[in-house]
Amino acid sequence: MTATTATAERLRTRTGGPKDDGPKILEHVLGWTLVVVIAMFVTQAGLL
């Protein structure tokens, strides 16, 4: 690793996006729950 690469690595801006670590299972469960809730609303409203 050169000095330029190390400096660029330290100065890289964070965008506030998702982190690599964290409870992935929780994200999946909440995502599928949202899908089911939206599907229930669509069918109850007669849009499907």
PDB file of N, CA and C in Angstrom:
ATOM      1  N   MET A   1       0.857  -1.170   0.000  1.00  0.00           N
ATOM      2  CA  MET A   1       0.000   0.000   0.000  1.00  0.00           C
ATOM      3  C   MET A   1       0.902   1.231   0.000  1.00  0.00           C
ATOM      4  N   THR A   2       0.662   2.118  -0.915  1.00  0.00           N
ATOM      5  CA  THR A   2       1.478   3.326  -0.982  1.00  0.00           C
ATOM      6  C   THR A   2       0.915   4.399  -0.072  1.00  0.00           C
ATOM      7  N   ALA A   3       1.668   5.439   0.113  1.00  0.00           N
ATOM      8  CA  ALA A   3       1.238   6.540   0.978  1.00  0.00           C
ATOM      9  C   ALA A   3       0.009   7.231   0.400  1.00  0.00           C
ATOM     10  N   THR A   4      -0.050   7.340  -0.926  1.00  0.00           N
ATOM     11  CA  THR A   4      -1.195   7.988  -1.571  1.00  0.00           C
ATOM     12  C   THR A   4      -2.468   7.176  -1.358  1.00  0.00           C
ATOM     13  N   THR A   5      -2.355   5.867  -1.478  1.00  0.00           N
ATOM     14  CA  THR A   5      -3.515   5.003  -1.281  1.00  0.00           C
ATOM     15  C   THR A   5      -3.991   5.060   0.165  1.00  0.00           C
ATOM     16  N   ALA A   6      -3.048   5.080   1.102  1.00  0.00           N
ATOM     17  CA  ALA A   6      -3.423   5.142   2.518  1.00  0.00           C
ATOM     18  C   ALA A   6      -4.122   6.457   2.831  1.00  0.00           C
ATOM     19  N   THR A   7      -3.630   7.556   2.254  1.00  0.00           N
ATOM     20  CA  THR A   7      -4.256   8.861   2.488  1.00  0.00           C
ATOM     21  C   THR A   7      -5.650   8.899   1.878  1.00  0.00           C
ATOM     22  N   ALA A   8      -5.801   8.380   0.673  1.00  0.00           N
ATOM     23  CA  ALA A   8      -7.113   8.365   0.018  1.00  0.00           C
ATOM     24  C   ALA A   8      -8.081   7.490   0.799  1.00  0.00           C
ATOM     25  N   GLU A   9      -7.589   6.408   1.365  1.00  0.00           N
ATOM     26  CA  GLU A   9      -8.446   5.505   2.145  1.00  0.00           C
ATOM     27  C   GLU A   9      -8.964   6.207   3.400  1.00  0.00           C
ATOM     28  N   ARG A  10      -8.118   6.983   4.048  1.00  0.00           N
ATOM     29  CA  ARG A  10      -8.535   7.681   5.261  1.00  0.00           C
ATOM     30  C   ARG A  10      -9.478   8.836   4.963  1.00  0.00           C
ATOM     31  N   LEU A  11      -9.337   9.475   3.807  1.00  0.00           N
ATOM     32  CA  LEU A  11     -10.122  10.660   3.492  1.00  0.00           C
ATOM     33  C   LEU A  11     -11.427  10.342   2.764  1.00  0.00           C
ATOM     34  N   ARG A  12     -11.684   9.068   2.528  1.00  0.00           N
ATOM     35  CA  ARG A  12     -12.911   8.703   1.822  1.00  0.00           C
ATOM     36  C   ARG A  12     -14.136   9.117   2.638  1.00  0.00           C
ATOM     37  N   THR A  13     -15.075   9.755   1.981  1.00  0.00           N
ATOM     38  CA  THR A  13     -16.253  10.249   2.696  1.00  0.00           C
ATOM     39  C   THR A  13     -17.258   9.143   2.900  1.00  0.00           C
ATOM     40  N   ARG A  14     -17.888   9.174   4.053  1.00  0.00           N
ATOM     41  CA  ARG A  14     -18.965   8.227   4.349  1.00  0.00           C
ATOM     42  C   ARG A  14     -20.254   8.804   3.815  1.00  0.00           C
ATOM     43  N   THR A  15     -21.057   7.971   3.186  1.00  0.00           N
ATOM     44  CA  THR A  15     -22.311   8.442   2.601  1.00  0.00           C
ATOM     45  C   THR A  15     -23.503   8.186   3.516  1.00  0.00           C
ATOM     46  N   GLY A  16     -23.286   7.524   4.613  1.00  0.00           N
ATOM     47  CA  GLY A  16     -24.386   7.227   5.513  1.00  0.00           C
ATOM     48  C   GLY A  16     -25.199   6.024   5.071  1.00  0.00           C
ATOM     49  N   GLY A  17     -24.672   5.251   4.149  1.00  0.00           N
ATOM     50  CA  GLY A  17     -25.366   4.068   3.661  1.00  0.00           C
ATOM     51  C   GLY A  17     -25.323   2.942   4.672  1.00  0.00           C
ATOM     52  N   PRO A  18     -25.876   1.797   4.310  1.00  0.00           N
ATOM     53  CA  PRO A  18     -25.909   0.671   5.249  1.00  0.00           C
ATOM     54  C   PRO A  18     -24.507   0.163   5.558  1.00  0.00           C
ATOM     55  N   LYS A  19     -24.312  -0.255   6.771  1.00  0.00           N
ATOM     56  CA  LYS A  19     -23.014  -0.785   7.187  1.00  0.00           C
ATOM     57  C   LYS A  19     -22.975  -2.286   6.906  1.00  0.00           C
ATOM     58  N   ASP A  20     -21.774  -2.813   6.829  1.00  0.00           N
ATOM     59  CA  ASP A  20     -21.628  -4.235   6.557  1.00  0.00           C
ATOM     60  C   ASP A  20     -22.004  -5.088   7.760  1.00  0.00           C
ATOM     61  N   ASP A  21     -21.804  -4.548   8.950  1.00  0.00           N
ATOM     62  CA  ASP A  21     -22.138  -5.315  10.148  1.00  0.00           C
ATOM     63  C   ASP A  21     -23.520  -4.919  10.645  1.00  0.00           C
ATOM     64  N   GLY A  22     -24.182  -5.826  11.280  1.00  0.00           N
ATOM     65  CA  GLY A  22     -25.512  -5.518  11.789  1.00  0.00           C
ATOM     66  C   GLY A  22     -26.412  -6.726  11.700  1.00  0.00           C
ATOM     67  N   PRO A  23     -27.596  -6.615  12.283  1.00  0.00           N
ATOM     68  CA  PRO A  23     -28.526  -7.748  12.302  1.00  0.00           C
ATOM     69  C   PRO A  23     -29.223  -7.929  10.950  1.00  0.00           C
ATOM     70  N   LYS A  24     -28.645  -8.737  10.082  1.00  0.00           N
ATOM     71  CA  LYS A  24     -29.207  -8.956   8.749  1.00  0.00           C
ATOM     72  C   LYS A  24     -30.566  -9.644   8.826  1.00  0.00           C
ATOM     73  N   ILE A  25     -30.727 -10.554   9.773  1.00  0.00           N
ATOM     74  CA  ILE A  25     -31.988 -11.291   9.881  1.00  0.00           C
ATOM     75  C   ILE A  25     -33.122 -10.338  10.222  1.00  0.00           C
ATOM     76  N   LEU A  26     -32.850  -9.343  11.056  1.00  0.00           N
ATOM     77  CA  LEU A  26     -33.874  -8.365  11.411  1.00  0.00           C
ATOM     78  C   LEU A  26     -34.311  -7.578  10.180  1.00  0.00           C
ATOM     79  N   GLU A  27     -33.355  -7.196   9.339  1.00  0.00           N
ATOM     80  CA  GLU A  27     -33.695  -6.478   8.112  1.00  0.00           C
ATOM     81  C   GLU A  27     -34.583  -7.332   7.211  1.00  0.00           C
ATOM     82  N   HIS A  28     -34.260  -8.606   7.076  1.00  0.00           N
ATOM     83  CA  HIS A  28     -35.054  -9.492   6.222  1.00  0.00           C
ATOM     84  C   HIS A  28     -36.462  -9.685   6.768  1.00  0.00           C
ATOM     85  N   VAL A  29     -36.566  -9.879   8.068  1.00  0.00           N
ATOM     86  CA  VAL A  29     -37.883 -10.093   8.682  1.00  0.00           C
ATOM     87  C   VAL A  29     -38.740  -8.834   8.522  1.00  0.00           C
ATOM     88  N   LEU A  30     -38.166  -7.670   8.804  1.00  0.00           N
ATOM     89  CA  LEU A  30     -38.932  -6.436   8.658  1.00  0.00           C
ATOM     90  C   LEU A  30     -39.300  -6.166   7.201  1.00  0.00           C
ATOM     91  N   GLY A  31     -38.412  -6.488   6.285  1.00  0.00           N
ATOM     92  CA  GLY A  31     -38.704  -6.297   4.867  1.00  0.00           C
ATOM     93  C   GLY A  31     -39.859  -7.167   4.396  1.00  0.00           C
ATOM     94  N   TRP A  32     -39.832  -8.448   4.781  1.00  0.00           N
ATOM     95  CA  TRP A  32     -40.914  -9.343   4.374  1.00  0.00           C
ATOM     96  C   TRP A  32     -42.223  -8.998   5.068  1.00  0.00           C
ATOM     97  N   THR A  33     -42.138  -8.495   6.306  1.00  0.00           N
ATOM     98  CA  THR A  33     -43.344  -8.053   7.001  1.00  0.00           C
ATOM     99  C   THR A  33     -43.975  -6.885   6.261  1.00  0.00           C
ATOM    100  N   LEU A  34     -43.151  -5.962   5.798  1.00  0.00           N
ATOM    101  CA  LEU A  34     -43.654  -4.829   5.027  1.00  0.00           C
ATOM    102  C   LEU A  34     -44.311  -5.300   3.734  1.00  0.00           C
ATOM    103  N   VAL A  35     -43.715  -6.269   3.070  1.00  0.00           N
ATOM    104  CA  VAL A  35     -44.294  -6.810   1.836  1.00  0.00           C
ATOM    105  C   VAL A  35     -45.668  -7.417   2.106  1.00  0.00           C
ATOM    106  N   VAL A  36     -45.782  -8.178   3.187  1.00  0.00           N
ATOM    107  CA  VAL A  36     -47.060  -8.820   3.516  1.00  0.00           C
ATOM    108  C   VAL A  36     -48.119  -7.780   3.859  1.00  0.00           C
ATOM    109  N   VAL A  37     -47.740  -6.763   4.621  1.00  0.00           N
ATOM    110  CA  VAL A  37     -48.697  -5.717   5.000  1.00  0.00           C
ATOM    111  C   VAL A  37     -49.179  -4.957   3.764  1.00  0.00           C
ATOM    112  N   ILE A  38     -48.287  -4.626   2.866  1.00  0.00           N
ATOM    113  CA  ILE A  38     -48.690  -3.930   1.637  1.00  0.00           C
ATOM    114  C   ILE A  38     -49.598  -4.824   0.793  1.00  0.00           C
ATOM    115  N   ALA A  39     -49.287  -6.112   0.720  1.00  0.00           N
ATOM    116  CA  ALA A  39     -50.137  -7.031  -0.039  1.00  0.00           C
ATOM    117  C   ALA A  39     -51.538  -7.121   0.575  1.00  0.00           C
ATOM    118  N   MET A  40     -51.616  -7.103   1.908  1.00  0.00           N
ATOM    119  CA  MET A  40     -52.928  -7.148   2.558  1.00  0.00           C
ATOM    120  C   MET A  40     -53.729  -5.881   2.247  1.00  0.00           C
ATOM    121  N   PHE A  41     -53.073  -4.731   2.289  1.00  0.00           N
ATOM    122  CA  PHE A  41     -53.771  -3.474   1.966  1.00  0.00           C
ATOM    123  C   PHE A  41     -54.266  -3.462   0.514  1.00  0.00           C
ATOM    124  N   VAL A  42     -53.437  -3.965  -0.404  1.00  0.00           N
ATOM    125  CA  VAL A  42     -53.810  -3.972  -1.813  1.00  0.00           C
ATOM    126  C   VAL A  42     -55.022  -4.881  -2.037  1.00  0.00           C
ATOM    127  N   THR A  43     -55.017  -6.055  -1.416  1.00  0.00           N
ATOM    128  CA  THR A  43     -56.150  -6.964  -1.618  1.00  0.00           C
ATOM    129  C   THR A  43     -57.406  -6.457  -0.927  1.00  0.00           C
ATOM    130  N   GLN A  44     -57.270  -5.852   0.242  1.00  0.00           N
ATOM    131  CA  GLN A  44     -58.434  -5.326   0.940  1.00  0.00           C
ATOM    132  C   GLN A  44     -59.058  -4.151   0.178  1.00  0.00           C
ATOM    133  N   ALA A  45     -58.231  -3.367  -0.490  1.00  0.00           N
ATOM    134  CA  ALA A  45     -58.729  -2.219  -1.245  1.00  0.00           C
ATOM    135  C   ALA A  45     -59.291  -2.634  -2.602  1.00  0.00           C
ATOM    136  N   GLY A  46     -59.116  -3.896  -2.971  1.00  0.00           N
ATOM    137  CA  GLY A  46     -59.637  -4.384  -4.228  1.00  0.00           C
ATOM    138  C   GLY A  46     -58.842  -3.929  -5.433  1.00  0.00           C
ATOM    139  N   LEU A  47     -57.574  -3.640  -5.224  1.00  0.00           N
ATOM    140  CA  LEU A  47     -56.745  -3.146  -6.326  1.00  0.00           C
ATOM    141  C   LEU A  47     -56.110  -4.286  -7.121  1.00  0.00           C
ATOM    142  N   LEU A  48     -56.271  -5.495  -6.665  1.00  0.00           N
ATOM    143  CA  LEU A  48     -55.655  -6.622  -7.363  1.00  0.00           C
ATOM    144  C   LEU A  48     -56.725  -7.517  -7.959  1.00  0.00           C
TER     145      LEU A  48
END
